[in-house]
Amino acid sequence: YPDLMTEAYRRYLLNQFRKQYSFA
């Protein structure tokens, strides 16, 4: 369910993603 994706968890996934794959 998309409504279960909180803003805090979204930011966590983003930060982890940038850390792992950069995409600078």
PDB file of all heavy atoms in Angstrom:
ATOM      1  N   TYR A   1       0.835  -1.206   0.000  1.00  0.00           N
ATOM      2  CA  TYR A   1       0.000   0.000   0.000  1.00  0.00           C
ATOM      3  C   TYR A   1       0.870   1.256   0.000  1.00  0.00           C
ATOM      4  O   TYR A   1       1.623   1.472   0.945  1.00  0.00           O
ATOM      5  CB  TYR A   1      -0.909   0.032   1.237  1.00  0.00           C
ATOM      6  CG  TYR A   1      -1.765  -1.189   1.386  1.00  0.00           C
ATOM      7  CD1 TYR A   1      -1.617  -2.033   2.487  1.00  0.00           C
ATOM      8  CD2 TYR A   1      -2.730  -1.508   0.437  1.00  0.00           C
ATOM      9  CE1 TYR A   1      -2.392  -3.168   2.637  1.00  0.00           C
ATOM     10  CE2 TYR A   1      -3.508  -2.640   0.566  1.00  0.00           C
ATOM     11  CZ  TYR A   1      -3.341  -3.471   1.660  1.00  0.00           C
ATOM     12  OH  TYR A   1      -4.108  -4.580   1.792  1.00  0.00           O
ATOM     13  N   PRO A   2       0.751   2.120  -1.030  1.00  0.00           N
ATOM     14  CA  PRO A   2       1.557   3.347  -1.081  1.00  0.00           C
ATOM     15  C   PRO A   2       1.396   4.252   0.137  1.00  0.00           C
ATOM     16  O   PRO A   2       2.333   4.926   0.539  1.00  0.00           O
ATOM     17  CB  PRO A   2       1.068   4.049  -2.351  1.00  0.00           C
ATOM     18  CG  PRO A   2       0.593   2.935  -3.220  1.00  0.00           C
ATOM     19  CD  PRO A   2      -0.010   1.933  -2.277  1.00  0.00           C
ATOM     20  N   ASP A   3       0.206   4.250   0.758  1.00  0.00           N
ATOM     21  CA  ASP A   3       0.007   5.149   1.902  1.00  0.00           C
ATOM     22  C   ASP A   3       0.757   4.690   3.161  1.00  0.00           C
ATOM     23  O   ASP A   3       0.795   5.405   4.161  1.00  0.00           O
ATOM     24  CB  ASP A   3      -1.481   5.371   2.197  1.00  0.00           C
ATOM     25  CG  ASP A   3      -2.252   4.082   2.466  1.00  0.00           C
ATOM     26  OD1 ASP A   3      -1.704   2.985   2.221  1.00  0.00           O
ATOM     27  OD2 ASP A   3      -3.406   4.171   2.910  1.00  0.00           O
ATOM     28  N   LEU A   4       1.393   3.530   3.108  1.00  0.00           N
ATOM     29  CA  LEU A   4       2.206   3.071   4.235  1.00  0.00           C
ATOM     30  C   LEU A   4       3.658   3.567   4.141  1.00  0.00           C
ATOM     31  O   LEU A   4       4.444   3.357   5.059  1.00  0.00           O
ATOM     32  CB  LEU A   4       2.198   1.539   4.334  1.00  0.00           C
ATOM     33  CG  LEU A   4       0.846   0.874   4.632  1.00  0.00           C
ATOM     34  CD1 LEU A   4       0.993  -0.637   4.680  1.00  0.00           C
ATOM     35  CD2 LEU A   4       0.254   1.391   5.944  1.00  0.00           C
ATOM     36  N   MET A   5       4.005   4.217   3.020  1.00  0.00           N
ATOM     37  CA  MET A   5       5.357   4.763   2.856  1.00  0.00           C
ATOM     38  C   MET A   5       5.405   6.131   3.539  1.00  0.00           C
ATOM     39  O   MET A   5       4.890   7.111   3.021  1.00  0.00           O
ATOM     40  CB  MET A   5       5.709   4.907   1.373  1.00  0.00           C
ATOM     41  CG  MET A   5       7.068   5.543   1.120  1.00  0.00           C
ATOM     42  SD  MET A   5       8.492   4.519   1.577  1.00  0.00           S
ATOM     43  CE  MET A   5       8.614   3.434   0.154  1.00  0.00           C
ATOM     44  N   THR A   6       6.011   6.188   4.729  1.00  0.00           N
ATOM     45  CA  THR A   6       6.098   7.458   5.446  1.00  0.00           C
ATOM     46  C   THR A   6       7.207   8.319   4.846  1.00  0.00           C
ATOM     47  O   THR A   6       8.112   7.811   4.172  1.00  0.00           O
ATOM     48  CB  THR A   6       6.418   7.232   6.940  1.00  0.00           C
ATOM     49  OG1 THR A   6       7.713   6.614   7.033  1.00  0.00           O
ATOM     50  CG2 THR A   6       5.362   6.366   7.624  1.00  0.00           C
ATOM     51  N   GLU A   7       7.144   9.610   5.120  1.00  0.00           N
ATOM     52  CA  GLU A   7       8.167  10.544   4.642  1.00  0.00           C
ATOM     53  C   GLU A   7       9.538  10.169   5.223  1.00  0.00           C
ATOM     54  O   GLU A   7      10.545  10.189   4.524  1.00  0.00           O
ATOM     55  CB  GLU A   7       7.781  11.971   5.050  1.00  0.00           C
ATOM     56  CG  GLU A   7       8.783  13.032   4.663  1.00  0.00           C
ATOM     57  CD  GLU A   7       9.007  13.186   3.168  1.00  0.00           C
ATOM     58  OE1 GLU A   7       8.149  12.755   2.365  1.00  0.00           O
ATOM     59  OE2 GLU A   7      10.061  13.729   2.790  1.00  0.00           O
ATOM     60  N   ALA A   8       9.566   9.788   6.496  1.00  0.00           N
ATOM     61  CA  ALA A   8      10.834   9.422   7.138  1.00  0.00           C
ATOM     62  C   ALA A   8      11.439   8.170   6.490  1.00  0.00           C
ATOM     63  O   ALA A   8      12.642   8.106   6.251  1.00  0.00           O
ATOM     64  CB  ALA A   8      10.615   9.192   8.632  1.00  0.00           C
ATOM     65  N   TYR A   9      10.592   7.183   6.171  1.00  0.00           N
ATOM     66  CA  TYR A   9      11.107   5.952   5.564  1.00  0.00           C
ATOM     67  C   TYR A   9      11.541   6.211   4.121  1.00  0.00           C
ATOM     68  O   TYR A   9      12.529   5.659   3.650  1.00  0.00           O
ATOM     69  CB  TYR A   9      10.073   4.822   5.641  1.00  0.00           C
ATOM     70  CG  TYR A   9      10.737   3.466   5.624  1.00  0.00           C
ATOM     71  CD1 TYR A   9      11.381   2.981   6.757  1.00  0.00           C
ATOM     72  CD2 TYR A   9      10.758   2.680   4.474  1.00  0.00           C
ATOM     73  CE1 TYR A   9      12.033   1.749   6.750  1.00  0.00           C
ATOM     74  CE2 TYR A   9      11.403   1.454   4.458  1.00  0.00           C
ATOM     75  CZ  TYR A   9      12.041   0.993   5.597  1.00  0.00           C
ATOM     76  OH  TYR A   9      12.689  -0.217   5.578  1.00  0.00           O
ATOM     77  N   ARG A  10      10.827   7.100   3.435  1.00  0.00           N
ATOM     78  CA  ARG A  10      11.195   7.499   2.077  1.00  0.00           C
ATOM     79  C   ARG A  10      12.593   8.122   2.090  1.00  0.00           C
ATOM     80  O   ARG A  10      13.452   7.795   1.275  1.00  0.00           O
ATOM     81  CB  ARG A  10      10.158   8.492   1.540  1.00  0.00           C
ATOM     82  CG  ARG A  10      10.422   8.981   0.128  1.00  0.00           C
ATOM     83  CD  ARG A  10       9.479  10.122  -0.241  1.00  0.00           C
ATOM     84  NE  ARG A  10       9.885  11.367   0.372  1.00  0.00           N
ATOM     85  CZ  ARG A  10      10.872  12.133  -0.077  1.00  0.00           C
ATOM     86  NH1 ARG A  10      11.571  11.774  -1.125  1.00  0.00           N
ATOM     87  NH2 ARG A  10      11.169  13.262   0.535  1.00  0.00           N
ATOM     88  N   ARG A  11      12.825   9.034   3.054  1.00  0.00           N
ATOM     89  CA  ARG A  11      14.134   9.687   3.161  1.00  0.00           C
ATOM     90  C   ARG A  11      15.224   8.674   3.486  1.00  0.00           C
ATOM     91  O   ARG A  11      16.327   8.740   2.954  1.00  0.00           O
ATOM     92  CB  ARG A  11      14.106  10.783   4.235  1.00  0.00           C
ATOM     93  CG  ARG A  11      13.621  12.121   3.708  1.00  0.00           C
ATOM     94  CD  ARG A  11      14.014  13.269   4.627  1.00  0.00           C
ATOM     95  NE  ARG A  11      13.682  13.005   6.025  1.00  0.00           N
ATOM     96  CZ  ARG A  11      12.529  13.326   6.586  1.00  0.00           C
ATOM     97  NH1 ARG A  11      11.578  13.895   5.885  1.00  0.00           N
ATOM     98  NH2 ARG A  11      12.315  13.053   7.859  1.00  0.00           N
ATOM     99  N   TYR A  12      14.913   7.729   4.368  1.00  0.00           N
ATOM    100  CA  TYR A  12      15.870   6.674   4.727  1.00  0.00           C
ATOM    101  C   TYR A  12      16.273   5.878   3.480  1.00  0.00           C
ATOM    102  O   TYR A  12      17.463   5.664   3.221  1.00  0.00           O
ATOM    103  CB  TYR A  12      15.262   5.762   5.796  1.00  0.00           C
ATOM    104  CG  TYR A  12      15.931   4.413   5.916  1.00  0.00           C
ATOM    105  CD1 TYR A  12      17.227   4.284   6.415  1.00  0.00           C
ATOM    106  CD2 TYR A  12      15.268   3.248   5.515  1.00  0.00           C
ATOM    107  CE1 TYR A  12      17.845   3.041   6.522  1.00  0.00           C
ATOM    108  CE2 TYR A  12      15.874   2.012   5.619  1.00  0.00           C
ATOM    109  CZ  TYR A  12      17.161   1.906   6.114  1.00  0.00           C
ATOM    110  OH  TYR A  12      17.769   0.679   6.204  1.00  0.00           O
ATOM    111  N   LEU A  13      15.276   5.450   2.676  1.00  0.00           N
ATOM    112  CA  LEU A  13      15.580   4.684   1.458  1.00  0.00           C
ATOM    113  C   LEU A  13      16.407   5.509   0.485  1.00  0.00           C
ATOM    114  O   LEU A  13      17.357   5.007  -0.123  1.00  0.00           O
ATOM    115  CB  LEU A  13      14.293   4.204   0.787  1.00  0.00           C
ATOM    116  CG  LEU A  13      13.546   3.057   1.479  1.00  0.00           C
ATOM    117  CD1 LEU A  13      12.247   2.754   0.740  1.00  0.00           C
ATOM    118  CD2 LEU A  13      14.399   1.803   1.581  1.00  0.00           C
ATOM    119  N   LEU A  14      16.057   6.783   0.341  1.00  0.00           N
ATOM    120  CA  LEU A  14      16.813   7.669  -0.552  1.00  0.00           C
ATOM    121  C   LEU A  14      18.264   7.772  -0.107  1.00  0.00           C
ATOM    122  O   LEU A  14      19.180   7.607  -0.919  1.00  0.00           O
ATOM    123  CB  LEU A  14      16.197   9.067  -0.571  1.00  0.00           C
ATOM    124  CG  LEU A  14      17.111  10.158  -1.162  1.00  0.00           C
ATOM    125  CD1 LEU A  14      17.356   9.917  -2.641  1.00  0.00           C
ATOM    126  CD2 LEU A  14      16.561  11.525  -0.931  1.00  0.00           C
ATOM    127  N   ASN A  15      18.475   8.044   1.180  1.00  0.00           N
ATOM    128  CA  ASN A  15      19.843   8.204   1.679  1.00  0.00           C
ATOM    129  C   ASN A  15      20.663   6.931   1.485  1.00  0.00           C
ATOM    130  O   ASN A  15      21.820   6.984   1.078  1.00  0.00           O
ATOM    131  CB  ASN A  15      19.830   8.626   3.157  1.00  0.00           C
ATOM    132  CG  ASN A  15      19.284  10.029   3.326  1.00  0.00           C
ATOM    133  OD1 ASN A  15      19.328  10.843   2.412  1.00  0.00           O
ATOM    134  ND2 ASN A  15      18.730  10.314   4.494  1.00  0.00           N
ATOM    135  N   GLN A  16      20.036   5.783   1.757  1.00  0.00           N
ATOM    136  CA  GLN A  16      20.729   4.507   1.563  1.00  0.00           C
ATOM    137  C   GLN A  16      21.035   4.283   0.078  1.00  0.00           C
ATOM    138  O   GLN A  16      22.107   3.802  -0.280  1.00  0.00           O
ATOM    139  CB  GLN A  16      19.882   3.345   2.104  1.00  0.00           C
ATOM    140  CG  GLN A  16      19.665   3.371   3.607  1.00  0.00           C
ATOM    141  CD  GLN A  16      20.969   3.343   4.376  1.00  0.00           C
ATOM    142  OE1 GLN A  16      21.806   2.472   4.187  1.00  0.00           O
ATOM    143  NE2 GLN A  16      21.161   4.318   5.247  1.00  0.00           N
ATOM    144  N   PHE A  17      20.088   4.653  -0.767  1.00  0.00           N
ATOM    145  CA  PHE A  17      20.256   4.469  -2.208  1.00  0.00           C
ATOM    146  C   PHE A  17      21.409   5.322  -2.723  1.00  0.00           C
ATOM    147  O   PHE A  17      22.254   4.859  -3.482  1.00  0.00           O
ATOM    148  CB  PHE A  17      18.949   4.832  -2.932  1.00  0.00           C
ATOM    149  CG  PHE A  17      18.944   4.430  -4.376  1.00  0.00           C
ATOM    150  CD1 PHE A  17      18.608   3.131  -4.750  1.00  0.00           C
ATOM    151  CD2 PHE A  17      19.277   5.335  -5.368  1.00  0.00           C
ATOM    152  CE1 PHE A  17      18.618   2.747  -6.083  1.00  0.00           C
ATOM    153  CE2 PHE A  17      19.278   4.963  -6.704  1.00  0.00           C
ATOM    154  CZ  PHE A  17      18.945   3.665  -7.063  1.00  0.00           C
ATOM    155  N   ARG A  18      21.437   6.595  -2.301  1.00  0.00           N
ATOM    156  CA  ARG A  18      22.519   7.491  -2.717  1.00  0.00           C
ATOM    157  C   ARG A  18      23.866   6.990  -2.192  1.00  0.00           C
ATOM    158  O   ARG A  18      24.875   7.084  -2.885  1.00  0.00           O
ATOM    159  CB  ARG A  18      22.263   8.911  -2.198  1.00  0.00           C
ATOM    160  CG  ARG A  18      21.123   9.632  -2.883  1.00  0.00           C
ATOM    161  CD  ARG A  18      21.541  10.241  -4.193  1.00  0.00           C
ATOM    162  NE  ARG A  18      20.520  11.113  -4.755  1.00  0.00           N
ATOM    163  CZ  ARG A  18      20.583  11.623  -5.972  1.00  0.00           C
ATOM    164  NH1 ARG A  18      21.594  11.356  -6.767  1.00  0.00           N
ATOM    165  NH2 ARG A  18      19.626  12.395  -6.425  1.00  0.00           N
ATOM    166  N   LYS A  19      23.873   6.471  -0.972  1.00  0.00           N
ATOM    167  CA  LYS A  19      25.104   5.955  -0.381  1.00  0.00           C
ATOM    168  C   LYS A  19      25.633   4.774  -1.191  1.00  0.00           C
ATOM    169  O   LYS A  19      26.817   4.655  -1.452  1.00  0.00           O
ATOM    170  CB  LYS A  19      24.823   5.513   1.058  1.00  0.00           C
ATOM    171  CG  LYS A  19      25.956   5.775   2.030  1.00  0.00           C
ATOM    172  CD  LYS A  19      25.582   5.357   3.436  1.00  0.00           C
ATOM    173  CE  LYS A  19      24.814   6.475   4.139  1.00  0.00           C
ATOM    174  NZ  LYS A  19      24.477   6.154   5.531  1.00  0.00           N
ATOM    175  N   GLN A  20      24.720   3.901  -1.603  1.00  0.00           N
ATOM    176  CA  GLN A  20      25.100   2.682  -2.318  1.00  0.00           C
ATOM    177  C   GLN A  20      25.449   2.942  -3.786  1.00  0.00           C
ATOM    178  O   GLN A  20      26.412   2.415  -4.297  1.00  0.00           O
ATOM    179  CB  GLN A  20      23.942   1.682  -2.245  1.00  0.00           C
ATOM    180  CG  GLN A  20      24.185   0.383  -2.981  1.00  0.00           C
ATOM    181  CD  GLN A  20      24.356  -0.782  -2.050  1.00  0.00           C
ATOM    182  OE1 GLN A  20      24.156  -0.673  -0.845  1.00  0.00           O
ATOM    183  NE2 GLN A  20      24.747  -1.893  -2.593  1.00  0.00           N
ATOM    184  N   TYR A  21      24.624   3.743  -4.463  1.00  0.00           N
ATOM    185  CA  TYR A  21      24.776   3.877  -5.927  1.00  0.00           C
ATOM    186  C   TYR A  21      25.168   5.270  -6.402  1.00  0.00           C
ATOM    187  O   TYR A  21      25.362   5.478  -7.589  1.00  0.00           O
ATOM    188  CB  TYR A  21      23.476   3.462  -6.629  1.00  0.00           C
ATOM    189  CG  TYR A  21      23.105   2.025  -6.366  1.00  0.00           C
ATOM    190  CD1 TYR A  21      21.986   1.707  -5.604  1.00  0.00           C
ATOM    191  CD2 TYR A  21      23.871   0.971  -6.869  1.00  0.00           C
ATOM    192  CE1 TYR A  21      21.639   0.387  -5.360  1.00  0.00           C
ATOM    193  CE2 TYR A  21      23.541  -0.342  -6.622  1.00  0.00           C
ATOM    194  CZ  TYR A  21      22.419  -0.629  -5.864  1.00  0.00           C
ATOM    195  OH  TYR A  21      22.075  -1.929  -5.623  1.00  0.00           O
ATOM    196  N   SER A  22      25.222   6.237  -5.508  1.00  0.00           N
ATOM    197  CA  SER A  22      25.638   7.616  -5.779  1.00  0.00           C
ATOM    198  C   SER A  22      24.710   8.355  -6.753  1.00  0.00           C
ATOM    199  O   SER A  22      23.921   9.168  -6.334  1.00  0.00           O
ATOM    200  CB  SER A  22      27.078   7.680  -6.273  1.00  0.00           C
ATOM    201  OG  SER A  22      27.383   9.006  -6.650  1.00  0.00           O
ATOM    202  N   PHE A  23      24.794   8.066  -8.042  1.00  0.00           N
ATOM    203  CA  PHE A  23      24.043   8.823  -9.047  1.00  0.00           C
ATOM    204  C   PHE A  23      24.297  10.322  -8.883  1.00  0.00           C
ATOM    205  O   PHE A  23      23.378  11.135  -8.965  1.00  0.00           O
ATOM    206  CB  PHE A  23      22.534   8.525  -8.983  1.00  0.00           C
ATOM    207  CG  PHE A  23      22.138   7.245  -9.664  1.00  0.00           C
ATOM    208  CD1 PHE A  23      21.982   6.077  -8.939  1.00  0.00           C
ATOM    209  CD2 PHE A  23      21.929   7.205 -11.034  1.00  0.00           C
ATOM    210  CE1 PHE A  23      21.621   4.883  -9.565  1.00  0.00           C
ATOM    211  CE2 PHE A  23      21.569   6.022 -11.668  1.00  0.00           C
ATOM    212  CZ  PHE A  23      21.422   4.864 -10.943  1.00  0.00           C
ATOM    213  N   ALA A  24      25.559  10.701  -8.638  1.00  0.00           N
ATOM    214  CA  ALA A  24      25.922  12.106  -8.429  1.00  0.00           C
ATOM    215  C   ALA A  24      25.459  12.958  -9.608  1.00  0.00           C
ATOM    216  O   ALA A  24      25.664  12.613 -10.764  1.00  0.00           O
ATOM    217  CB  ALA A  24      27.428  12.242  -8.255  1.00  0.00           C
TER     218      ALA A  24
END
